[in-house]
Amino acid sequence: MIPLDHWLTLGLQVGGELVGFAILARVVRYALVRLEERAAPSEALRARRATVWRLLRSAVRYTIDFVAVVAVMETLGVRATSLLAGAGVVGLAVSFGAQGLVQDMVTGIFLLYENQFVVGEEVSLPALGLGGTVEEVGLRITRLKGPKGEEIVVPNRLILQVQNYSRGQAMVSVGVTTALKWDPEAVEAVLQEFLAPLRQRWPDLQVDAAAGAQPGQVTWSITGSVDSREKAECERAVRRAVVRALYYLEQLPSPREKERGDGTPAL
C-alpha cells in the first residue's frame, strides 16, 4: 500500500508544476503583448505586426500546454516518451480524427503567409455568409467581431473565399440638404470653405453642385475616393464639417432679409 505522504508529495509536485507553467504562460503572454504594442511606422505594418504576434501567442500557448502535460505525466510515473513512441500503433486511427485540426493549422499558416487579411480589417466570408472586423488570426481559428458586436469564431479550414473591404480605394458619398431660400453659389462656397481643411488629407473630396432638388430644398453631394481603411473616418469628418457649415449658414441673413426697402438686393 502506498503511504499517504507519497500521494501528498506527488500532489504538491504536480500542483507546483501546473502553477509554474501557468506563471510562465502569463509572463510570455505579457512579453508578447508588450512587443505587439510597440509603435509601427505605418498603419498597415501595425496591423500585420498585430496579426503575427497574436498568431505567435497562439502557437506559444499550445506549446506550453503540451510541455506541461508531458511534465505532469513524467511526474506521475507515466513514461511520456514511450507513450508517444507507441502512439504510432494507433496513429492511423487518430489521424482521421485530427484531419480537421491539421487543416486548420495549415490554413492558418497560409492565411498569414499570403496576407489575405490582418487584424483590424473588415472582411466577409461569402461561403459562410459571415463578416466583420478581424480580431485574431490563430493557428486553428479566426475571430471576427460582427456588425452587432457579436464574436464570430471560424475554423480556418472553412475559410474558402475572402472579400477584404479594407484595401484599395473606396468611394465616400455624403448627402447635404439645404433650404431653397439660400443662394446655391453661397451654399457651395460655404461647403467648399469648410471642406478645405479635410482636403489636406483627402484631396479628392468634391462638392457636386445641386445633386437633386425638391420643393423647398436642394440636395448636394460630397464625394471622393479615399483609402478603404480611412473611409469611415473620412465620412465622419465630412459630416462634422457639413454640420458646422449648415450652422454657419443659419447664422447668415437670407437673401430676402438682405433686400433693401426698394426691393433691390443688397450688395
C-alpha atoms as a PDB file:
ATOM      1  CA  MET A   1       0.000   0.000   0.000  1.00  0.00           C
ATOM      2  CA  ILE A   2       1.361   3.384  -0.996  1.00  0.00           C
ATOM      3  CA  PRO A   3       1.651   5.678   2.043  1.00  0.00           C
ATOM      4  CA  LEU A   4      -0.429   8.844   2.218  1.00  0.00           C
ATOM      5  CA  ASP A   5       2.600  11.133   2.400  1.00  0.00           C
ATOM      6  CA  HIS A   6       3.705   9.840  -1.008  1.00  0.00           C
ATOM      7  CA  TRP A   7       0.419  10.984  -2.573  1.00  0.00           C
ATOM      8  CA  LEU A   8       0.670  14.322  -0.796  1.00  0.00           C
ATOM      9  CA  THR A   9       4.202  14.835  -2.084  1.00  0.00           C
ATOM     10  CA  LEU A  10       3.150  13.796  -5.567  1.00  0.00           C
ATOM     11  CA  GLY A  11       0.170  16.150  -5.457  1.00  0.00           C
ATOM     12  CA  LEU A  12       2.368  19.050  -4.351  1.00  0.00           C
ATOM     13  CA  GLN A  13       4.820  18.356  -7.171  1.00  0.00           C
ATOM     14  CA  VAL A  14       2.073  18.244  -9.788  1.00  0.00           C
ATOM     15  CA  GLY A  15       0.452  21.386  -8.367  1.00  0.00           C
ATOM     16  CA  GLY A  16       3.785  23.187  -8.343  1.00  0.00           C
ATOM     17  CA  GLU A  17       4.436  22.245 -11.957  1.00  0.00           C
ATOM     18  CA  LEU A  18       0.990  23.425 -13.064  1.00  0.00           C
ATOM     19  CA  VAL A  19       1.387  26.723 -11.218  1.00  0.00           C
ATOM     20  CA  GLY A  20       4.861  27.177 -12.684  1.00  0.00           C
ATOM     21  CA  PHE A  21       3.674  26.588 -16.236  1.00  0.00           C
ATOM     22  CA  ALA A  22       0.687  28.905 -15.674  1.00  0.00           C
ATOM     23  CA  ILE A  23       3.040  31.669 -14.490  1.00  0.00           C
ATOM     24  CA  LEU A  24       5.329  31.020 -17.464  1.00  0.00           C
ATOM     25  CA  ALA A  25       2.393  31.273 -19.859  1.00  0.00           C
ATOM     26  CA  ARG A  26       1.299  34.599 -18.334  1.00  0.00           C
ATOM     27  CA  VAL A  27       4.826  36.028 -18.437  1.00  0.00           C
ATOM     28  CA  VAL A  28       5.316  35.016 -22.074  1.00  0.00           C
ATOM     29  CA  ARG A  29       1.891  36.381 -22.998  1.00  0.00           C
ATOM     30  CA  TYR A  30       2.665  39.690 -21.263  1.00  0.00           C
ATOM     31  CA  ALA A  31       6.005  39.956 -23.068  1.00  0.00           C
ATOM     32  CA  LEU A  32       4.412  39.256 -26.456  1.00  0.00           C
ATOM     33  CA  VAL A  33       1.645  41.795 -25.817  1.00  0.00           C
ATOM     34  CA  ARG A  34       4.219  44.469 -24.944  1.00  0.00           C
ATOM     35  CA  LEU A  35       6.171  43.657 -28.104  1.00  0.00           C
ATOM     36  CA  GLU A  36       2.954  43.867 -30.131  1.00  0.00           C
ATOM     37  CA  GLU A  37       2.176  47.316 -28.697  1.00  0.00           C
ATOM     38  CA  ARG A  38       5.416  48.833 -29.934  1.00  0.00           C
ATOM     39  CA  ALA A  39       4.890  51.739 -32.303  1.00  0.00           C
ATOM     40  CA  ALA A  40       4.917  50.896 -36.013  1.00  0.00           C
ATOM     41  CA  PRO A  41       5.818  53.375 -38.787  1.00  0.00           C
ATOM     42  CA  SER A  42       2.548  52.764 -40.682  1.00  0.00           C
ATOM     43  CA  GLU A  43      -0.991  51.524 -40.119  1.00  0.00           C
ATOM     44  CA  ALA A  44      -0.512  48.590 -42.498  1.00  0.00           C
ATOM     45  CA  LEU A  45       2.659  47.436 -40.741  1.00  0.00           C
ATOM     46  CA  ARG A  46       0.984  47.827 -37.337  1.00  0.00           C
ATOM     47  CA  ALA A  47      -1.933  45.623 -38.415  1.00  0.00           C
ATOM     48  CA  ARG A  48       0.361  42.957 -39.875  1.00  0.00           C
ATOM     49  CA  ARG A  49       2.531  43.013 -36.757  1.00  0.00           C
ATOM     50  CA  ALA A  50      -0.559  42.512 -34.574  1.00  0.00           C
ATOM     51  CA  THR A  51      -1.563  39.524 -36.701  1.00  0.00           C
ATOM     52  CA  VAL A  52       1.888  37.924 -36.429  1.00  0.00           C
ATOM     53  CA  TRP A  53       2.172  38.436 -32.675  1.00  0.00           C
ATOM     54  CA  ARG A  54      -1.299  37.035 -31.997  1.00  0.00           C
ATOM     55  CA  LEU A  55      -0.548  34.001 -34.112  1.00  0.00           C
ATOM     56  CA  LEU A  56       2.715  33.592 -32.191  1.00  0.00           C
ATOM     57  CA  ARG A  57       0.816  33.833 -28.886  1.00  0.00           C
ATOM     58  CA  SER A  58      -1.472  31.061 -30.063  1.00  0.00           C
ATOM     59  CA  ALA A  59       1.490  28.841 -31.005  1.00  0.00           C
ATOM     60  CA  VAL A  60       3.262  29.527 -27.700  1.00  0.00           C
ATOM     61  CA  ARG A  61       0.108  28.705 -25.726  1.00  0.00           C
ATOM     62  CA  TYR A  62      -0.234  25.313 -27.438  1.00  0.00           C
ATOM     63  CA  THR A  63       3.474  24.576 -26.922  1.00  0.00           C
ATOM     64  CA  ILE A  64       3.419  25.403 -23.196  1.00  0.00           C
ATOM     65  CA  ASP A  65       0.256  23.340 -22.684  1.00  0.00           C
ATOM     66  CA  PHE A  66       1.863  20.344 -24.431  1.00  0.00           C
ATOM     67  CA  VAL A  67       5.073  20.593 -22.390  1.00  0.00           C
ATOM     68  CA  ALA A  68       3.018  20.911 -19.177  1.00  0.00           C
ATOM     69  CA  VAL A  69       1.070  17.725 -19.961  1.00  0.00           C
ATOM     70  CA  VAL A  70       4.287  15.807 -20.679  1.00  0.00           C
ATOM     71  CA  ALA A  71       5.922  17.083 -17.454  1.00  0.00           C
ATOM     72  CA  VAL A  72       2.912  16.093 -15.319  1.00  0.00           C
ATOM     73  CA  MET A  73       2.835  12.636 -16.920  1.00  0.00           C
ATOM     74  CA  GLU A  74       6.523  12.139 -16.109  1.00  0.00           C
ATOM     75  CA  THR A  75       5.907  13.219 -12.515  1.00  0.00           C
ATOM     76  CA  LEU A  76       3.065  10.710 -12.197  1.00  0.00           C
ATOM     77  CA  GLY A  77       5.339   7.949 -13.445  1.00  0.00           C
ATOM     78  CA  VAL A  78       3.925   7.708 -16.944  1.00  0.00           C
ATOM     79  CA  ARG A  79       6.700   7.405 -19.499  1.00  0.00           C
ATOM     80  CA  ALA A  80       5.646  10.096 -21.935  1.00  0.00           C
ATOM     81  CA  THR A  81       8.388   9.197 -24.419  1.00  0.00           C
ATOM     82  CA  SER A  82       7.271   5.569 -24.530  1.00  0.00           C
ATOM     83  CA  LEU A  83       3.650   6.665 -24.837  1.00  0.00           C
ATOM     84  CA  LEU A  84       4.476   8.952 -27.744  1.00  0.00           C
ATOM     85  CA  ALA A  85       6.514   6.206 -29.413  1.00  0.00           C
ATOM     86  CA  GLY A  86       3.673   3.761 -29.016  1.00  0.00           C
ATOM     87  CA  ALA A  87       1.238   6.248 -30.479  1.00  0.00           C
ATOM     88  CA  GLY A  88       2.344   5.090 -33.907  1.00  0.00           C
ATOM     89  CA  VAL A  89       0.282   1.939 -33.403  1.00  0.00           C
ATOM     90  CA  VAL A  90      -2.945   3.944 -33.254  1.00  0.00           C
ATOM     91  CA  GLY A  91      -1.637   6.800 -35.368  1.00  0.00           C
ATOM     92  CA  LEU A  92      -3.759   5.843 -38.348  1.00  0.00           C
ATOM     93  CA  ALA A  93      -6.961   5.961 -36.315  1.00  0.00           C
ATOM     94  CA  VAL A  94      -6.027   9.222 -34.617  1.00  0.00           C
ATOM     95  CA  SER A  95      -5.059  10.841 -37.918  1.00  0.00           C
ATOM     96  CA  PHE A  96      -8.638  10.634 -39.175  1.00  0.00           C
ATOM     97  CA  GLY A  97      -9.862  12.488 -36.099  1.00  0.00           C
ATOM     98  CA  ALA A  98      -7.067  15.051 -36.334  1.00  0.00           C
ATOM     99  CA  GLN A  99      -7.529  15.874 -40.005  1.00  0.00           C
ATOM    100  CA  GLY A 100      -9.620  18.937 -39.193  1.00  0.00           C
ATOM    101  CA  LEU A 101      -7.046  20.211 -36.701  1.00  0.00           C
ATOM    102  CA  VAL A 102      -4.196  19.778 -39.188  1.00  0.00           C
ATOM    103  CA  GLN A 103      -6.206  21.517 -41.916  1.00  0.00           C
ATOM    104  CA  ASP A 104      -6.963  24.408 -39.547  1.00  0.00           C
ATOM    105  CA  MET A 105      -3.284  24.867 -38.701  1.00  0.00           C
ATOM    106  CA  VAL A 106      -2.061  24.600 -42.299  1.00  0.00           C
ATOM    107  CA  THR A 107      -4.731  27.035 -43.493  1.00  0.00           C
ATOM    108  CA  GLY A 108      -3.838  29.452 -40.678  1.00  0.00           C
ATOM    109  CA  ILE A 109      -0.205  29.454 -41.760  1.00  0.00           C
ATOM    110  CA  PHE A 110      -1.146  30.140 -45.387  1.00  0.00           C
ATOM    111  CA  LEU A 111      -3.571  32.901 -44.359  1.00  0.00           C
ATOM    112  CA  LEU A 112      -0.674  34.639 -42.650  1.00  0.00           C
ATOM    113  CA  TYR A 113       1.838  33.932 -45.413  1.00  0.00           C
ATOM    114  CA  GLU A 114      -0.461  35.108 -48.205  1.00  0.00           C
ATOM    115  CA  ASN A 115      -1.534  38.150 -46.193  1.00  0.00           C
ATOM    116  CA  GLN A 116      -5.194  37.719 -47.153  1.00  0.00           C
ATOM    117  CA  PHE A 117      -6.266  39.808 -44.173  1.00  0.00           C
ATOM    118  CA  VAL A 118      -4.828  41.154 -40.943  1.00  0.00           C
ATOM    119  CA  VAL A 119      -6.161  42.225 -37.556  1.00  0.00           C
ATOM    120  CA  GLY A 120      -8.413  45.273 -37.772  1.00  0.00           C
ATOM    121  CA  GLU A 121      -9.567  44.803 -41.374  1.00  0.00           C
ATOM    122  CA  GLU A 122     -13.188  44.482 -42.497  1.00  0.00           C
ATOM    123  CA  VAL A 123     -13.803  41.198 -44.326  1.00  0.00           C
ATOM    124  CA  SER A 124     -16.638  38.915 -45.342  1.00  0.00           C
ATOM    125  CA  LEU A 125     -16.672  35.154 -45.927  1.00  0.00           C
ATOM    126  CA  PRO A 126     -19.210  34.628 -48.730  1.00  0.00           C
ATOM    127  CA  ALA A 127     -19.207  30.827 -48.495  1.00  0.00           C
ATOM    128  CA  LEU A 128     -20.249  31.044 -44.836  1.00  0.00           C
ATOM    129  CA  GLY A 129     -22.410  34.157 -45.039  1.00  0.00           C
ATOM    130  CA  LEU A 130     -20.344  35.793 -42.278  1.00  0.00           C
ATOM    131  CA  GLY A 131     -18.413  39.020 -41.996  1.00  0.00           C
ATOM    132  CA  GLY A 132     -16.967  41.544 -39.582  1.00  0.00           C
ATOM    133  CA  THR A 133     -13.745  43.014 -38.221  1.00  0.00           C
ATOM    134  CA  VAL A 134     -10.792  40.641 -37.820  1.00  0.00           C
ATOM    135  CA  GLU A 135      -9.775  40.431 -34.157  1.00  0.00           C
ATOM    136  CA  GLU A 136      -7.431  37.430 -34.219  1.00  0.00           C
ATOM    137  CA  VAL A 137      -5.857  35.039 -36.714  1.00  0.00           C
ATOM    138  CA  GLY A 138      -4.799  31.958 -34.773  1.00  0.00           C
ATOM    139  CA  LEU A 139      -3.292  28.619 -35.691  1.00  0.00           C
ATOM    140  CA  ARG A 140      -6.696  26.933 -35.515  1.00  0.00           C
ATOM    141  CA  ILE A 141      -9.384  29.620 -35.602  1.00  0.00           C
ATOM    142  CA  THR A 142     -10.032  33.157 -36.807  1.00  0.00           C
ATOM    143  CA  ARG A 143     -12.062  35.520 -34.626  1.00  0.00           C
ATOM    144  CA  LEU A 144     -14.288  38.209 -36.114  1.00  0.00           C
ATOM    145  CA  LYS A 145     -16.339  40.939 -34.473  1.00  0.00           C
ATOM    146  CA  GLY A 146     -19.721  41.008 -36.168  1.00  0.00           C
ATOM    147  CA  PRO A 147     -21.741  44.094 -37.143  1.00  0.00           C
ATOM    148  CA  LYS A 148     -23.762  43.874 -33.905  1.00  0.00           C
ATOM    149  CA  GLY A 149     -20.691  43.412 -31.719  1.00  0.00           C
ATOM    150  CA  GLU A 150     -21.004  39.635 -31.516  1.00  0.00           C
ATOM    151  CA  GLU A 151     -17.930  37.412 -31.536  1.00  0.00           C
ATOM    152  CA  ILE A 152     -17.663  35.064 -34.522  1.00  0.00           C
ATOM    153  CA  VAL A 153     -15.267  32.106 -34.315  1.00  0.00           C
ATOM    154  CA  VAL A 154     -14.462  30.420 -37.634  1.00  0.00           C
ATOM    155  CA  PRO A 155     -12.246  27.304 -38.040  1.00  0.00           C
ATOM    156  CA  ASN A 156      -9.540  28.210 -40.520  1.00  0.00           C
ATOM    157  CA  ARG A 157     -10.281  25.239 -42.794  1.00  0.00           C
ATOM    158  CA  LEU A 158     -13.732  26.693 -43.561  1.00  0.00           C
ATOM    159  CA  ILE A 159     -12.286  29.938 -44.961  1.00  0.00           C
ATOM    160  CA  LEU A 160     -12.527  29.236 -48.685  1.00  0.00           C
ATOM    161  CA  GLN A 161     -13.135  32.745 -50.021  1.00  0.00           C
ATOM    162  CA  VAL A 162     -12.398  36.169 -48.535  1.00  0.00           C
ATOM    163  CA  GLN A 163     -13.663  39.592 -49.526  1.00  0.00           C
ATOM    164  CA  ASN A 164     -11.462  42.284 -47.971  1.00  0.00           C
ATOM    165  CA  TYR A 165     -13.077  45.721 -47.750  1.00  0.00           C
ATOM    166  CA  SER A 166     -10.094  47.406 -46.087  1.00  0.00           C
ATOM    167  CA  ARG A 167      -7.699  47.508 -49.024  1.00  0.00           C
ATOM    168  CA  GLY A 168      -7.554  49.651 -52.130  1.00  0.00           C
ATOM    169  CA  GLN A 169      -9.760  52.681 -52.731  1.00  0.00           C
ATOM    170  CA  ALA A 170     -13.322  53.279 -51.574  1.00  0.00           C
ATOM    171  CA  MET A 171     -15.855  55.915 -52.561  1.00  0.00           C
ATOM    172  CA  VAL A 172     -17.114  58.341 -49.911  1.00  0.00           C
ATOM    173  CA  SER A 173     -20.547  59.881 -50.502  1.00  0.00           C
ATOM    174  CA  VAL A 174     -22.293  62.224 -48.065  1.00  0.00           C
ATOM    175  CA  GLY A 175     -25.556  63.980 -48.940  1.00  0.00           C
ATOM    176  CA  VAL A 176     -26.412  67.507 -47.781  1.00  0.00           C
ATOM    177  CA  THR A 177     -29.885  69.058 -47.905  1.00  0.00           C
ATOM    178  CA  THR A 178     -30.311  72.832 -47.686  1.00  0.00           C
ATOM    179  CA  ALA A 179     -33.318  75.135 -47.830  1.00  0.00           C
ATOM    180  CA  LEU A 180     -34.220  76.574 -51.192  1.00  0.00           C
ATOM    181  CA  LYS A 181     -34.056  80.121 -49.758  1.00  0.00           C
ATOM    182  CA  TRP A 182     -30.226  80.024 -49.838  1.00  0.00           C
ATOM    183  CA  ASP A 183     -28.326  81.174 -52.896  1.00  0.00           C
ATOM    184  CA  PRO A 184     -26.785  77.998 -54.452  1.00  0.00           C
ATOM    185  CA  GLU A 185     -23.489  79.739 -55.114  1.00  0.00           C
ATOM    186  CA  ALA A 186     -23.296  80.870 -51.487  1.00  0.00           C
ATOM    187  CA  VAL A 187     -24.092  77.347 -50.233  1.00  0.00           C
ATOM    188  CA  GLU A 188     -21.442  75.806 -52.451  1.00  0.00           C
ATOM    189  CA  ALA A 189     -18.873  78.400 -51.375  1.00  0.00           C
ATOM    190  CA  VAL A 190     -19.547  77.704 -47.677  1.00  0.00           C
ATOM    191  CA  LEU A 191     -19.304  73.915 -48.169  1.00  0.00           C
ATOM    192  CA  GLN A 192     -16.054  74.314 -50.095  1.00  0.00           C
ATOM    193  CA  GLU A 193     -14.646  76.501 -47.317  1.00  0.00           C
ATOM    194  CA  PHE A 194     -15.451  74.027 -44.540  1.00  0.00           C
ATOM    195  CA  LEU A 195     -14.138  71.086 -46.562  1.00  0.00           C
ATOM    196  CA  ALA A 196     -10.839  72.801 -47.369  1.00  0.00           C
ATOM    197  CA  PRO A 197      -9.032  71.549 -44.198  1.00  0.00           C
ATOM    198  CA  LEU A 198     -10.120  67.969 -44.952  1.00  0.00           C
ATOM    199  CA  ARG A 199      -8.657  68.138 -48.463  1.00  0.00           C
ATOM    200  CA  GLN A 200      -5.188  68.365 -46.968  1.00  0.00           C
ATOM    201  CA  ARG A 201      -5.609  64.685 -46.055  1.00  0.00           C
ATOM    202  CA  TRP A 202      -8.232  63.601 -48.627  1.00  0.00           C
ATOM    203  CA  PRO A 203      -7.610  65.776 -51.718  1.00  0.00           C
ATOM    204  CA  ASP A 204     -10.247  64.045 -53.879  1.00  0.00           C
ATOM    205  CA  LEU A 205     -13.227  65.369 -51.902  1.00  0.00           C
ATOM    206  CA  GLN A 206     -15.533  67.300 -54.204  1.00  0.00           C
ATOM    207  CA  VAL A 207     -18.865  69.099 -53.877  1.00  0.00           C
ATOM    208  CA  ASP A 208     -21.342  68.127 -56.585  1.00  0.00           C
ATOM    209  CA  ALA A 209     -23.500  71.194 -57.229  1.00  0.00           C
ATOM    210  CA  ALA A 210     -27.229  70.655 -56.886  1.00  0.00           C
ATOM    211  CA  ALA A 211     -27.249  66.850 -56.987  1.00  0.00           C
ATOM    212  CA  GLY A 212     -31.024  66.962 -56.673  1.00  0.00           C
ATOM    213  CA  ALA A 213     -33.909  69.312 -55.935  1.00  0.00           C
ATOM    214  CA  GLN A 214     -37.360  69.032 -54.389  1.00  0.00           C
ATOM    215  CA  PRO A 215     -39.968  71.629 -53.494  1.00  0.00           C
ATOM    216  CA  GLY A 216     -38.421  73.850 -50.846  1.00  0.00           C
ATOM    217  CA  GLN A 217     -34.997  72.180 -50.681  1.00  0.00           C
ATOM    218  CA  VAL A 218     -31.847  71.380 -52.627  1.00  0.00           C
ATOM    219  CA  THR A 219     -29.683  68.262 -52.209  1.00  0.00           C
ATOM    220  CA  TRP A 220     -25.912  68.430 -52.540  1.00  0.00           C
ATOM    221  CA  SER A 221     -23.456  65.532 -52.677  1.00  0.00           C
ATOM    222  CA  ILE A 222     -19.916  65.411 -51.324  1.00  0.00           C
ATOM    223  CA  THR A 223     -17.918  62.583 -52.886  1.00  0.00           C
ATOM    224  CA  GLY A 224     -14.334  61.453 -53.111  1.00  0.00           C
ATOM    225  CA  SER A 225     -12.032  58.456 -53.424  1.00  0.00           C
ATOM    226  CA  VAL A 226     -10.103  57.565 -50.253  1.00  0.00           C
ATOM    227  CA  ASP A 227      -8.159  54.656 -48.831  1.00  0.00           C
ATOM    228  CA  SER A 228     -10.585  51.905 -47.800  1.00  0.00           C
ATOM    229  CA  ARG A 229      -9.190  51.843 -44.274  1.00  0.00           C
ATOM    230  CA  GLU A 230      -9.984  55.546 -43.870  1.00  0.00           C
ATOM    231  CA  LYS A 231     -13.492  55.534 -45.352  1.00  0.00           C
ATOM    232  CA  ALA A 232     -15.391  55.532 -42.038  1.00  0.00           C
ATOM    233  CA  GLU A 233     -13.099  58.192 -40.543  1.00  0.00           C
ATOM    234  CA  CYS A 234     -13.417  60.380 -43.652  1.00  0.00           C
ATOM    235  CA  GLU A 235     -17.218  60.148 -43.680  1.00  0.00           C
ATOM    236  CA  ARG A 236     -17.384  61.148 -40.014  1.00  0.00           C
ATOM    237  CA  ALA A 237     -15.089  64.118 -40.647  1.00  0.00           C
ATOM    238  CA  VAL A 238     -17.169  65.221 -43.659  1.00  0.00           C
ATOM    239  CA  ARG A 239     -20.416  65.015 -41.677  1.00  0.00           C
ATOM    240  CA  ARG A 240     -18.925  67.130 -38.883  1.00  0.00           C
ATOM    241  CA  ALA A 241     -17.765  69.704 -41.431  1.00  0.00           C
ATOM    242  CA  VAL A 242     -21.241  69.729 -43.013  1.00  0.00           C
ATOM    243  CA  VAL A 243     -22.905  70.317 -39.631  1.00  0.00           C
ATOM    244  CA  ARG A 244     -20.598  73.281 -38.979  1.00  0.00           C
ATOM    245  CA  ALA A 245     -21.290  74.636 -42.472  1.00  0.00           C
ATOM    246  CA  LEU A 246     -25.071  74.385 -42.021  1.00  0.00           C
ATOM    247  CA  TYR A 247     -24.843  76.062 -38.636  1.00  0.00           C
ATOM    248  CA  TYR A 248     -22.827  78.857 -40.221  1.00  0.00           C
ATOM    249  CA  LEU A 249     -25.433  79.276 -42.973  1.00  0.00           C
ATOM    250  CA  GLU A 250     -28.222  79.539 -40.414  1.00  0.00           C
ATOM    251  CA  GLN A 251     -26.441  82.474 -38.794  1.00  0.00           C
ATOM    252  CA  LEU A 252     -26.328  84.400 -42.071  1.00  0.00           C
ATOM    253  CA  PRO A 253     -29.244  86.574 -43.200  1.00  0.00           C
ATOM    254  CA  SER A 254     -31.196  85.054 -46.072  1.00  0.00           C
ATOM    255  CA  PRO A 255     -31.269  86.903 -49.432  1.00  0.00           C
ATOM    256  CA  ARG A 256     -34.767  88.186 -48.639  1.00  0.00           C
ATOM    257  CA  GLU A 257     -33.630  89.604 -45.325  1.00  0.00           C
ATOM    258  CA  LYS A 258     -30.796  91.387 -47.109  1.00  0.00           C
ATOM    259  CA  GLU A 259     -33.107  93.119 -49.571  1.00  0.00           C
ATOM    260  CA  ARG A 260     -33.366  96.865 -49.262  1.00  0.00           C
ATOM    261  CA  GLY A 261     -36.578  98.723 -48.798  1.00  0.00           C
ATOM    262  CA  ASP A 262     -36.904  99.358 -52.534  1.00  0.00           C
ATOM    263  CA  GLY A 263     -36.853  95.648 -53.246  1.00  0.00           C
ATOM    264  CA  THR A 264     -33.375  95.525 -54.782  1.00  0.00           C
ATOM    265  CA  PRO A 265     -30.969  93.021 -53.256  1.00  0.00           C
ATOM    266  CA  ALA A 266     -28.175  94.357 -51.063  1.00  0.00           C
ATOM    267  CA  LEU A 267     -24.691  94.275 -52.470  1.00  0.00           C
END
